[in-house]
């Protein structure tokens, strides 16, 4: 068999040359990978903040990592924003006004927003006394309303003794002595003490709206009896001296044991009130 001794005709390929290029490419790739593995950690370390022991006092808030870098907020929540075990009222958004016209699809009724007056009403209801327990003692019955107090009575003015009615009393004394003279009895002497007592006694009867005989002890203590007895005639209504004397004729007016007389009159709502007092 014939074997040529020299290079074969046509393009020539060398295995040695191909193997060398392959090794070079592999080495370059490994170097690039090594550089990448070293440079990436160095770049990340440069991004970290310096240790606290080496931190400069002039560091500004701009050097601190931002919320976007950390992925969360560094702000401290306010006390009102912290989680609490107490239930909180849900904030209901105001109802959104709907457009006029037909409504397509199901709609939900908006929840009314609690107002200030509603909150005050809830507080007042919560502060009201709770109803008595059905198993406990029944609530005491309400006390009946007290009777209204009677209207205050204005104080009565003090007693004022009017001045003596001299004309009327003098007529009574004169007519009395005339009757005694007709009966043959001595006339009576005028007594100022008995007149003052008679005038005061009639003023009291008018002031207290009474008509009755009272005890003569005050008269005896003031004027005495003159060694004899004491008597009194009282009249009300008429203001005529003759009418009063005629009404007293059948009494002590003609008694011969009496020697002194005093007469007093006071005008009241029912007319003249007169008193005639006799003593010995």
Protein backbone atom coordinates (compact mmCIF):
# COMPACT_ATOMS: atom_id res chain seq x y z
CA UNK A 1 0.00 0.00 0.00
CA UNK A 2 1.26 3.44 -0.91
CA UNK A 3 1.54 5.94 1.92
CA UNK A 4 2.45 9.47 0.89
CA UNK A 5 5.10 11.07 2.98
CA UNK A 6 4.32 14.73 3.30
CA UNK A 7 1.30 16.88 4.12
CA UNK A 8 -1.95 15.79 2.68
CA UNK A 9 -3.43 17.97 0.01
CA UNK A 10 -6.32 20.39 1.04
CA UNK A 11 -6.88 22.39 4.29
CA UNK A 12 -4.96 21.18 7.25
CA UNK A 13 -6.31 21.08 10.88
CA UNK A 14 -4.18 20.74 13.94
CA UNK A 15 -5.53 19.08 17.13
CA UNK A 16 -2.80 20.80 19.08
CA UNK A 17 -3.99 24.26 18.08
CA UNK A 18 -7.68 23.51 18.94
CA UNK A 19 -6.84 22.13 22.35
CA UNK A 20 -4.80 25.21 23.27
CA UNK A 21 -7.62 27.65 22.44
CA UNK A 22 -10.02 25.61 24.49
CA UNK A 23 -7.79 25.71 27.54
CA UNK A 24 -7.26 29.46 27.19
CA UNK A 25 -11.02 30.06 27.01
CA UNK A 26 -11.60 27.98 30.11
CA UNK A 27 -8.93 29.86 32.06
CA UNK A 28 -10.36 33.25 31.02
CA UNK A 29 -13.83 32.14 32.10
CA UNK A 30 -12.58 30.97 35.46
CA UNK A 31 -10.78 34.27 36.02
CA UNK A 32 -13.91 36.27 35.19
CA UNK A 33 -15.93 34.12 37.63
CA UNK A 34 -13.32 34.60 40.35
CA UNK A 35 -13.29 38.37 39.87
CA UNK A 36 -17.08 38.45 40.02
CA UNK A 37 -17.15 36.39 43.23
CA UNK A 38 -14.66 38.76 44.89
CA UNK A 39 -16.05 42.10 43.67
CA UNK A 40 -19.70 41.46 44.57
CA UNK A 41 -19.13 40.89 48.34
CA UNK A 42 -16.81 43.89 48.47
CA UNK A 43 -19.47 46.11 46.92
CA UNK A 44 -22.09 44.87 49.42
CA UNK A 45 -19.78 45.46 52.38
CA UNK A 46 -19.20 49.05 51.25
CA UNK A 47 -22.99 49.64 51.35
CA UNK A 48 -23.30 48.63 55.06
CA UNK A 49 -23.14 51.52 57.61
CA UNK A 50 -19.92 51.88 59.66
CA UNK A 51 -19.77 50.21 63.07
CA UNK A 52 -21.29 52.15 66.02
CA UNK A 53 -17.87 52.44 67.67
CA UNK A 54 -16.48 54.29 64.62
CA UNK A 55 -19.64 56.35 63.85
CA UNK A 56 -19.07 60.06 63.39
CA UNK A 57 -21.16 62.42 65.57
CA UNK A 58 -21.90 64.54 62.49
CA UNK A 59 -23.89 61.74 60.85
CA UNK A 60 -27.17 63.10 59.50
CA UNK A 61 -30.52 61.35 59.13
CA UNK A 62 -29.79 61.16 55.37
CA UNK A 63 -27.02 58.56 56.05
CA UNK A 64 -29.48 56.19 57.72
CA UNK A 65 -31.07 53.48 55.61
CA UNK A 66 -34.46 54.38 54.24
CA UNK A 67 -37.68 52.46 54.59
CA UNK A 68 -37.43 51.37 50.95
CA UNK A 69 -34.00 49.82 51.59
CA UNK A 70 -35.08 48.00 54.74
CA UNK A 71 -38.50 47.01 53.46
CA UNK A 72 -40.34 48.24 56.60
CA UNK A 73 -41.05 51.48 58.49
CA UNK A 74 -38.67 52.56 61.27
CA UNK A 75 -41.13 55.11 62.78
CA UNK A 76 -42.33 54.29 66.29
CA UNK A 77 -46.10 53.95 66.30
CA UNK A 78 -48.04 56.45 68.45
CA UNK A 79 -49.74 55.14 71.62
CA UNK A 80 -53.11 55.52 69.96
CA UNK A 81 -51.86 53.44 66.94
CA UNK A 82 -50.50 50.55 69.05
CA UNK A 83 -52.44 47.38 69.28
CA UNK A 84 -54.81 47.33 72.25
CA UNK A 85 -56.88 44.61 73.79
CA UNK A 86 -59.78 47.05 74.22
CA UNK A 87 -62.40 46.98 71.48
CA UNK A 88 -62.48 50.07 69.32
CA UNK A 89 -65.34 51.43 67.33
CA UNK A 90 -65.02 50.86 63.63
CA UNK A 91 -64.94 54.01 61.54
CA UNK A 92 -67.72 53.83 59.01
CA UNK A 93 -67.19 55.93 55.89
CA UNK A 94 -70.01 58.30 54.98
CA UNK A 95 -72.47 56.97 52.44
CA UNK A 96 -71.59 57.70 48.82
CA UNK A 97 -74.40 59.58 47.05
CA UNK A 98 -75.84 57.51 44.27
CA UNK A 99 -76.70 58.85 40.87
CA UNK A 100 -80.34 59.33 40.00
CA UNK A 101 -81.97 56.78 37.80
CA UNK A 102 -82.49 53.02 37.94
CA UNK A 103 -80.02 51.09 40.05
CA UNK A 104 -78.48 48.09 38.37
CA UNK A 105 -77.61 45.18 40.61
CA UNK A 106 -78.07 44.74 44.37
CA UNK A 107 -77.29 47.71 46.58
CA UNK A 108 -76.52 47.83 50.31
CA UNK A 109 -78.08 50.29 52.75
CA UNK A 110 -75.42 52.77 53.97
CA UNK A 111 -74.59 52.58 57.63
CA UNK A 112 -75.38 55.91 59.37
CA UNK A 113 -72.42 57.66 60.92
CA UNK A 114 -72.84 58.18 64.67
CA UNK A 115 -73.33 61.86 65.51
CA UNK A 116 -72.37 63.78 68.65
CA UNK A 117 -75.98 63.86 69.92
CA UNK A 118 -76.26 60.08 69.44
CA UNK A 119 -73.04 59.53 71.42
CA UNK A 120 -74.34 61.78 74.21
CA UNK A 121 -77.60 59.82 74.25
CA UNK A 122 -75.68 56.53 74.52
CA UNK A 123 -73.62 57.91 77.43
CA UNK A 124 -76.77 59.14 79.21
CA UNK A 125 -78.38 55.72 78.72
CA UNK A 126 -75.28 54.00 80.05
CA UNK A 127 -75.17 56.29 83.10
CA UNK A 128 -78.85 55.71 83.97
CA UNK A 129 -79.67 53.36 86.80
CA UNK A 130 -80.03 49.76 85.67
CA UNK A 131 -83.41 48.10 86.22
CA UNK A 132 -83.64 45.92 89.31
CA UNK A 133 -82.72 42.29 88.92
CA UNK A 134 -85.66 40.03 88.31
CA UNK A 135 -84.38 37.68 91.02
CA UNK A 136 -83.56 40.46 93.53
CA UNK A 137 -85.74 42.65 95.69
CA UNK A 138 -88.24 44.82 93.82
CA UNK A 139 -87.49 48.50 93.52
CA UNK A 140 -89.07 50.63 96.26
CA UNK A 141 -92.21 52.46 95.26
CA UNK A 142 -91.89 56.15 94.64
CA UNK A 143 -92.95 58.32 97.54
CA UNK A 144 -96.22 60.16 96.99
CA UNK A 145 -95.83 63.83 96.25
CA UNK A 146 -95.91 66.01 99.32
CA UNK A 147 -98.89 68.24 99.89
CA UNK A 148 -98.27 71.78 98.76
CA UNK A 149 -97.45 74.12 101.57
CA UNK A 150 -100.27 76.48 102.49
CA UNK A 151 -99.78 80.06 101.40
CA UNK A 152 -98.05 82.21 103.94
CA UNK A 153 -100.41 84.33 105.98
CA UNK A 154 -99.23 87.92 106.17
CA UNK A 155 -98.61 89.06 109.72
CA UNK A 156 -101.45 90.91 111.35
CA UNK A 157 -100.72 94.56 112.10
CA UNK A 158 -100.34 95.43 115.76
CA UNK A 159 -103.29 96.63 117.81
CA UNK A 160 -103.81 100.37 117.66
CA UNK A 161 -106.24 101.88 120.19
CA UNK A 162 -108.10 104.73 118.52
CA UNK A 163 -108.72 108.00 120.36
CA UNK A 164 -111.92 108.20 122.41
CA UNK A 165 -115.13 109.20 120.65
CA UNK A 166 -115.96 111.93 123.13
CA UNK A 167 -119.17 113.14 121.53
CA UNK A 168 -120.74 109.66 121.46
CA UNK A 169 -119.57 108.62 124.92
CA UNK A 170 -120.66 111.91 126.51
CA UNK A 171 -124.17 111.42 125.09
CA UNK A 172 -124.30 107.90 126.53
CA UNK A 173 -123.29 109.16 130.02
CA UNK A 174 -125.86 112.01 129.90
CA UNK A 175 -128.72 109.74 128.82
CA UNK A 176 -127.73 107.19 131.48
CA UNK A 177 -127.98 109.80 134.27
CA UNK A 178 -131.29 110.99 132.85
CA UNK A 179 -132.71 107.49 133.13
CA UNK A 180 -131.35 107.17 136.68
CA UNK A 181 -132.92 110.52 137.59
CA UNK A 182 -136.29 109.34 136.25
CA UNK A 183 -135.93 106.26 138.45
CA UNK A 184 -134.95 108.31 141.54
CA UNK A 185 -131.38 106.96 141.55
CA UNK A 186 -128.36 109.24 142.18
CA UNK A 187 -126.37 110.17 139.05
CA UNK A 188 -123.05 108.53 138.16
CA UNK A 189 -119.71 110.38 138.28
CA UNK A 190 -117.44 110.35 135.18
CA UNK A 191 -114.28 108.20 135.62
CA UNK A 192 -111.32 108.68 133.24
CA UNK A 193 -109.77 105.39 134.35
CA UNK A 194 -112.94 103.45 133.56
CA UNK A 195 -113.26 105.34 130.26
CA UNK A 196 -109.71 104.34 129.21
CA UNK A 197 -110.37 100.69 130.15
CA UNK A 198 -113.68 100.66 128.23
CA UNK A 199 -112.03 102.23 125.17
CA UNK A 200 -109.20 99.62 125.21
CA UNK A 201 -111.58 96.68 125.66
CA UNK A 202 -113.70 97.70 122.63
CA UNK A 203 -110.56 98.15 120.51
CA UNK A 204 -109.50 94.55 121.34
CA UNK A 205 -112.95 93.19 120.38
CA UNK A 206 -112.82 94.93 117.00
CA UNK A 207 -109.19 93.87 116.39
CA UNK A 208 -109.97 90.21 117.12
CA UNK A 209 -113.41 90.39 115.47
CA UNK A 210 -115.21 89.18 118.61
CA UNK A 211 -118.28 90.29 120.59
CA UNK A 212 -118.39 88.94 124.10
CA UNK A 213 -117.87 89.92 127.74
CA UNK A 214 -114.40 89.39 129.11
CA UNK A 215 -113.01 89.21 132.60
CA UNK A 216 -113.08 92.49 134.52
CA UNK A 217 -110.00 91.63 136.58
CA UNK A 218 -107.75 93.95 134.53
CA UNK A 219 -110.21 96.80 135.19
CA UNK A 220 -110.26 96.10 138.92
CA UNK A 221 -106.45 95.97 138.98
CA UNK A 222 -106.24 99.32 137.17
CA UNK A 223 -109.14 101.28 138.66
CA UNK A 224 -110.37 99.38 141.73
CA UNK A 225 -114.03 98.99 142.73
CA UNK A 226 -114.47 101.93 145.11
CA UNK A 227 -115.66 99.65 147.89
CA UNK A 228 -118.55 98.27 145.87
CA UNK A 229 -119.10 95.94 142.96
CA UNK A 230 -118.31 96.20 139.22
CA UNK A 231 -120.43 95.62 136.10
CA UNK A 232 -120.26 96.15 132.31
CA UNK A 233 -122.75 96.68 129.48
CA UNK A 234 -121.64 95.90 125.87
CA UNK A 235 -123.34 96.90 122.59
CA UNK A 236 -122.51 96.45 118.89
CA UNK A 237 -124.05 97.62 115.68
CA UNK A 238 -125.96 100.75 116.47
CA UNK A 239 -124.27 104.12 116.57
CA UNK A 240 -127.13 105.93 118.28
CA UNK A 241 -126.60 106.76 121.97
CA UNK A 242 -130.33 106.73 122.81
CA UNK A 243 -130.82 103.28 121.27
CA UNK A 244 -127.92 101.86 123.27
CA UNK A 245 -129.12 103.38 126.56
CA UNK A 246 -132.66 102.07 126.06
CA UNK A 247 -131.20 98.61 125.50
CA UNK A 248 -129.25 98.80 128.78
CA UNK A 249 -132.10 100.12 131.04
CA UNK A 250 -132.99 96.69 132.30
CA UNK A 251 -129.39 95.91 133.33
CA UNK A 252 -127.00 97.50 135.84
CA UNK A 253 -127.69 101.01 134.53
CA UNK A 254 -130.21 101.78 137.37
CA UNK A 255 -128.26 99.99 140.14
CA UNK A 256 -128.04 102.45 143.12
CA UNK A 257 -124.83 100.76 144.41
CA UNK A 258 -122.77 102.15 141.54
CA UNK A 259 -121.34 105.65 141.77
CA UNK A 260 -118.84 105.88 138.88
CA UNK A 261 -119.10 105.17 135.12
CA UNK A 262 -116.80 105.07 132.09
CA UNK A 263 -117.81 104.59 128.43
CA UNK A 264 -115.63 103.69 125.42
CA UNK A 265 -116.53 103.04 121.74
CA UNK A 266 -114.56 101.70 118.71
CA UNK A 267 -115.87 101.63 115.14
CA UNK A 268 -115.44 98.22 113.46
CA UNK A 269 -116.63 96.36 110.31
CA UNK A 270 -119.96 95.55 112.04
CA UNK A 271 -120.53 99.07 113.38
CA UNK A 272 -119.85 100.72 116.70
CA UNK A 273 -118.73 98.49 119.58
CA UNK A 274 -119.32 100.26 122.95
CA UNK A 275 -118.58 99.28 126.53
CA UNK A 276 -120.09 100.87 129.69
CA UNK A 277 -118.36 100.01 133.00
CA UNK A 278 -119.80 100.73 136.48
CA UNK A 279 -118.06 100.66 139.89
CA UNK A 280 -118.94 101.75 143.44
